[in-house]
Amino acid sequence: MTTRFELVADDRGRISYCLVDNTGNVLLQGLPCRGKIDAQTEVLHTRKALDSEHLVPHQDGEGMHFVVLKDDEGNVLGRSPHVASSHELGAMVNEICAAGPRAAMIDQTRR
């Protein structure tokens, strides 16, 4: 499978998206939404914001690296998983920016 946005439901019924690569690894996780339409809208906003200008790198207290995706107003749209090095983070950001804007959306909430 190719890189794709998957809509998923949590145990409280909230819907969010995951940008998943062709091997099934999560590249970006969206925030929980109240419904499917809100989550689909978040995917549209995320596609528009996917460039290195909107992906803000962070490092946690244990030295792990991740990025937070923000829109033009500074609102958080999603975040990446933690990786061990800035080199790994750079590779992940490149993949997110290259594949995300045209990634298909798959509804996994119907399962």
C-alpha atoms as a PDB file:
ATOM      1  CA  MET A   1       0.000   0.000   0.000  1.00  0.00           C
ATOM      2  CA  THR A   2       1.086   3.585  -0.536  1.00  0.00           C
ATOM      3  CA  THR A   3       1.326   6.396   1.999  1.00  0.00           C
ATOM      4  CA  ARG A   4      -2.192   7.295   3.088  1.00  0.00           C
ATOM      5  CA  PHE A   5      -4.304   9.140   5.624  1.00  0.00           C
ATOM      6  CA  GLU A   6      -6.288   6.672   7.719  1.00  0.00           C
ATOM      7  CA  LEU A   7      -9.312   7.813   9.702  1.00  0.00           C
ATOM      8  CA  VAL A   8      -9.412   5.878  12.972  1.00  0.00           C
ATOM      9  CA  ALA A   9     -11.687   5.850  16.024  1.00  0.00           C
ATOM     10  CA  ASP A  10     -10.487   5.676  19.618  1.00  0.00           C
ATOM     11  CA  ASP A  11     -12.230   3.858  22.468  1.00  0.00           C
ATOM     12  CA  ARG A  12     -14.252   7.017  23.252  1.00  0.00           C
ATOM     13  CA  GLY A  13     -15.622   7.274  19.704  1.00  0.00           C
ATOM     14  CA  ARG A  14     -13.481  10.239  18.688  1.00  0.00           C
ATOM     15  CA  ILE A  15     -12.131  10.221  15.132  1.00  0.00           C
ATOM     16  CA  SER A  16      -8.608  11.250  14.164  1.00  0.00           C
ATOM     17  CA  TYR A  17      -6.266  10.732  11.257  1.00  0.00           C
ATOM     18  CA  CYS A  18      -2.934   9.000  10.949  1.00  0.00           C
ATOM     19  CA  LEU A  19      -0.604   9.579   8.020  1.00  0.00           C
ATOM     20  CA  VAL A  20       0.762   6.084   7.469  1.00  0.00           C
ATOM     21  CA  ASP A  21       3.645   5.105   5.173  1.00  0.00           C
ATOM     22  CA  ASN A  22       3.679   2.143   2.783  1.00  0.00           C
ATOM     23  CA  THR A  23       5.056  -0.176   5.499  1.00  0.00           C
ATOM     24  CA  GLY A  24       2.370   0.735   8.048  1.00  0.00           C
ATOM     25  CA  ASN A  25       4.457   3.125  10.180  1.00  0.00           C
ATOM     26  CA  VAL A  26       2.682   6.222  11.466  1.00  0.00           C
ATOM     27  CA  LEU A  27       4.340   9.422  10.224  1.00  0.00           C
ATOM     28  CA  LEU A  28       1.866  11.918  11.658  1.00  0.00           C
ATOM     29  CA  GLN A  29      -1.042  11.651  14.115  1.00  0.00           C
ATOM     30  CA  GLY A  30      -3.895  14.153  14.110  1.00  0.00           C
ATOM     31  CA  LEU A  31      -5.804  15.377  17.123  1.00  0.00           C
ATOM     32  CA  PRO A  32      -9.079  13.683  18.122  1.00  0.00           C
ATOM     33  CA  CYS A  33     -12.211  15.186  16.562  1.00  0.00           C
ATOM     34  CA  ARG A  34     -15.867  14.907  17.505  1.00  0.00           C
ATOM     35  CA  GLY A  35     -16.863  13.332  14.216  1.00  0.00           C
ATOM     36  CA  LYS A  36     -15.797  12.020  10.874  1.00  0.00           C
ATOM     37  CA  ILE A  37     -16.499  15.225   8.951  1.00  0.00           C
ATOM     38  CA  ASP A  38     -14.303  17.200  11.364  1.00  0.00           C
ATOM     39  CA  ALA A  39     -11.496  14.639  10.930  1.00  0.00           C
ATOM     40  CA  GLN A  40     -11.817  14.785   7.135  1.00  0.00           C
ATOM     41  CA  THR A  41     -11.582  18.576   7.337  1.00  0.00           C
ATOM     42  CA  GLU A  42      -8.434  18.227   9.461  1.00  0.00           C
ATOM     43  CA  VAL A  43      -6.904  16.058   6.724  1.00  0.00           C
ATOM     44  CA  LEU A  44      -7.606  18.815   4.178  1.00  0.00           C
ATOM     45  CA  HIS A  45      -5.981  21.428   6.442  1.00  0.00           C
ATOM     46  CA  THR A  46      -3.053  19.101   7.046  1.00  0.00           C
ATOM     47  CA  ARG A  47      -2.459  18.562   3.325  1.00  0.00           C
ATOM     48  CA  LYS A  48      -2.291  22.344   2.821  1.00  0.00           C
ATOM     49  CA  ALA A  49       0.151  22.819   5.711  1.00  0.00           C
ATOM     50  CA  LEU A  50       2.597  20.031   4.825  1.00  0.00           C
ATOM     51  CA  ASP A  51       5.852  21.842   4.271  1.00  0.00           C
ATOM     52  CA  SER A  52       8.921  22.298   6.432  1.00  0.00           C
ATOM     53  CA  GLU A  53       7.747  25.800   7.426  1.00  0.00           C
ATOM     54  CA  HIS A  54       4.732  24.349   9.282  1.00  0.00           C
ATOM     55  CA  LEU A  55       6.532  21.326  10.794  1.00  0.00           C
ATOM     56  CA  VAL A  56       8.158  22.547  14.005  1.00  0.00           C
ATOM     57  CA  PRO A  57      10.894  20.279  15.420  1.00  0.00           C
ATOM     58  CA  HIS A  58      10.969  19.504  19.149  1.00  0.00           C
ATOM     59  CA  GLN A  59      13.074  17.441  21.514  1.00  0.00           C
ATOM     60  CA  ASP A  60      11.687  15.968  24.724  1.00  0.00           C
ATOM     61  CA  GLY A  61      13.473  15.698  28.070  1.00  0.00           C
ATOM     62  CA  GLU A  62      14.854  12.280  27.199  1.00  0.00           C
ATOM     63  CA  GLY A  63      16.465  13.451  23.947  1.00  0.00           C
ATOM     64  CA  MET A  64      13.846  12.013  21.589  1.00  0.00           C
ATOM     65  CA  HIS A  65      12.905  14.080  18.516  1.00  0.00           C
ATOM     66  CA  PHE A  66       9.473  14.786  16.992  1.00  0.00           C
ATOM     67  CA  VAL A  67       7.697  17.446  14.932  1.00  0.00           C
ATOM     68  CA  VAL A  68       4.453  19.286  15.513  1.00  0.00           C
ATOM     69  CA  LEU A  69       2.443  20.384  12.465  1.00  0.00           C
ATOM     70  CA  LYS A  70       0.857  23.820  12.858  1.00  0.00           C
ATOM     71  CA  ASP A  71      -1.428  25.804  10.572  1.00  0.00           C
ATOM     72  CA  ASP A  72      -0.860  29.445   9.591  1.00  0.00           C
ATOM     73  CA  GLU A  73      -2.449  30.668  12.832  1.00  0.00           C
ATOM     74  CA  GLY A  74      -0.266  28.421  15.002  1.00  0.00           C
ATOM     75  CA  ASN A  75      -2.952  25.845  15.807  1.00  0.00           C
ATOM     76  CA  VAL A  76      -1.692  22.282  16.188  1.00  0.00           C
ATOM     77  CA  LEU A  77      -2.872  19.903  13.447  1.00  0.00           C
ATOM     78  CA  GLY A  78      -0.836  16.848  14.399  1.00  0.00           C
ATOM     79  CA  ARG A  79       2.480  15.467  15.563  1.00  0.00           C
ATOM     80  CA  SER A  80       4.929  12.801  14.581  1.00  0.00           C
ATOM     81  CA  PRO A  81       6.040   9.851  16.664  1.00  0.00           C
ATOM     82  CA  HIS A  82       9.285  10.180  18.603  1.00  0.00           C
ATOM     83  CA  VAL A  83      12.537   9.138  16.918  1.00  0.00           C
ATOM     84  CA  ALA A  84      16.035   8.808  18.355  1.00  0.00           C
ATOM     85  CA  SER A  85      17.975  11.290  16.225  1.00  0.00           C
ATOM     86  CA  SER A  86      17.630  14.526  14.304  1.00  0.00           C
ATOM     87  CA  HIS A  87      18.786  12.608  11.211  1.00  0.00           C
ATOM     88  CA  GLU A  88      15.832  10.192  11.533  1.00  0.00           C
ATOM     89  CA  LEU A  89      13.532  13.151  12.104  1.00  0.00           C
ATOM     90  CA  GLY A  90      14.800  14.869   8.949  1.00  0.00           C
ATOM     91  CA  ALA A  91      14.116  11.740   6.910  1.00  0.00           C
ATOM     92  CA  MET A  92      10.610  11.490   8.381  1.00  0.00           C
ATOM     93  CA  VAL A  93       9.881  15.170   7.634  1.00  0.00           C
ATOM     94  CA  ASN A  94      11.027  14.670   4.029  1.00  0.00           C
ATOM     95  CA  GLU A  95       8.687  11.695   3.657  1.00  0.00           C
ATOM     96  CA  ILE A  96       5.779  13.569   5.255  1.00  0.00           C
ATOM     97  CA  CYS A  97       6.242  16.580   2.968  1.00  0.00           C
ATOM     98  CA  ALA A  98       6.740  14.471  -0.176  1.00  0.00           C
ATOM     99  CA  ALA A  99       3.892  11.983   0.196  1.00  0.00           C
ATOM    100  CA  GLY A 100       1.362  13.697   2.482  1.00  0.00           C
ATOM    101  CA  PRO A 101      -0.126  16.336   0.180  1.00  0.00           C
ATOM    102  CA  ARG A 102      -1.338  13.738  -2.316  1.00  0.00           C
ATOM    103  CA  ALA A 103      -1.956  10.792   0.032  1.00  0.00           C
ATOM    104  CA  ALA A 104      -5.338   9.100  -0.291  1.00  0.00           C
ATOM    105  CA  MET A 105      -7.767   9.090   2.622  1.00  0.00           C
ATOM    106  CA  ILE A 106      -8.956   5.687   3.863  1.00  0.00           C
ATOM    107  CA  ASP A 107     -11.782   5.322   6.371  1.00  0.00           C
ATOM    108  CA  GLN A 108     -10.762   2.672   8.917  1.00  0.00           C
ATOM    109  CA  THR A 109     -13.689   3.491  11.221  1.00  0.00           C
ATOM    110  CA  ARG A 110     -16.006   1.146   9.289  1.00  0.00           C
ATOM    111  CA  ARG A 111     -14.162  -1.971  10.416  1.00  0.00           C
END
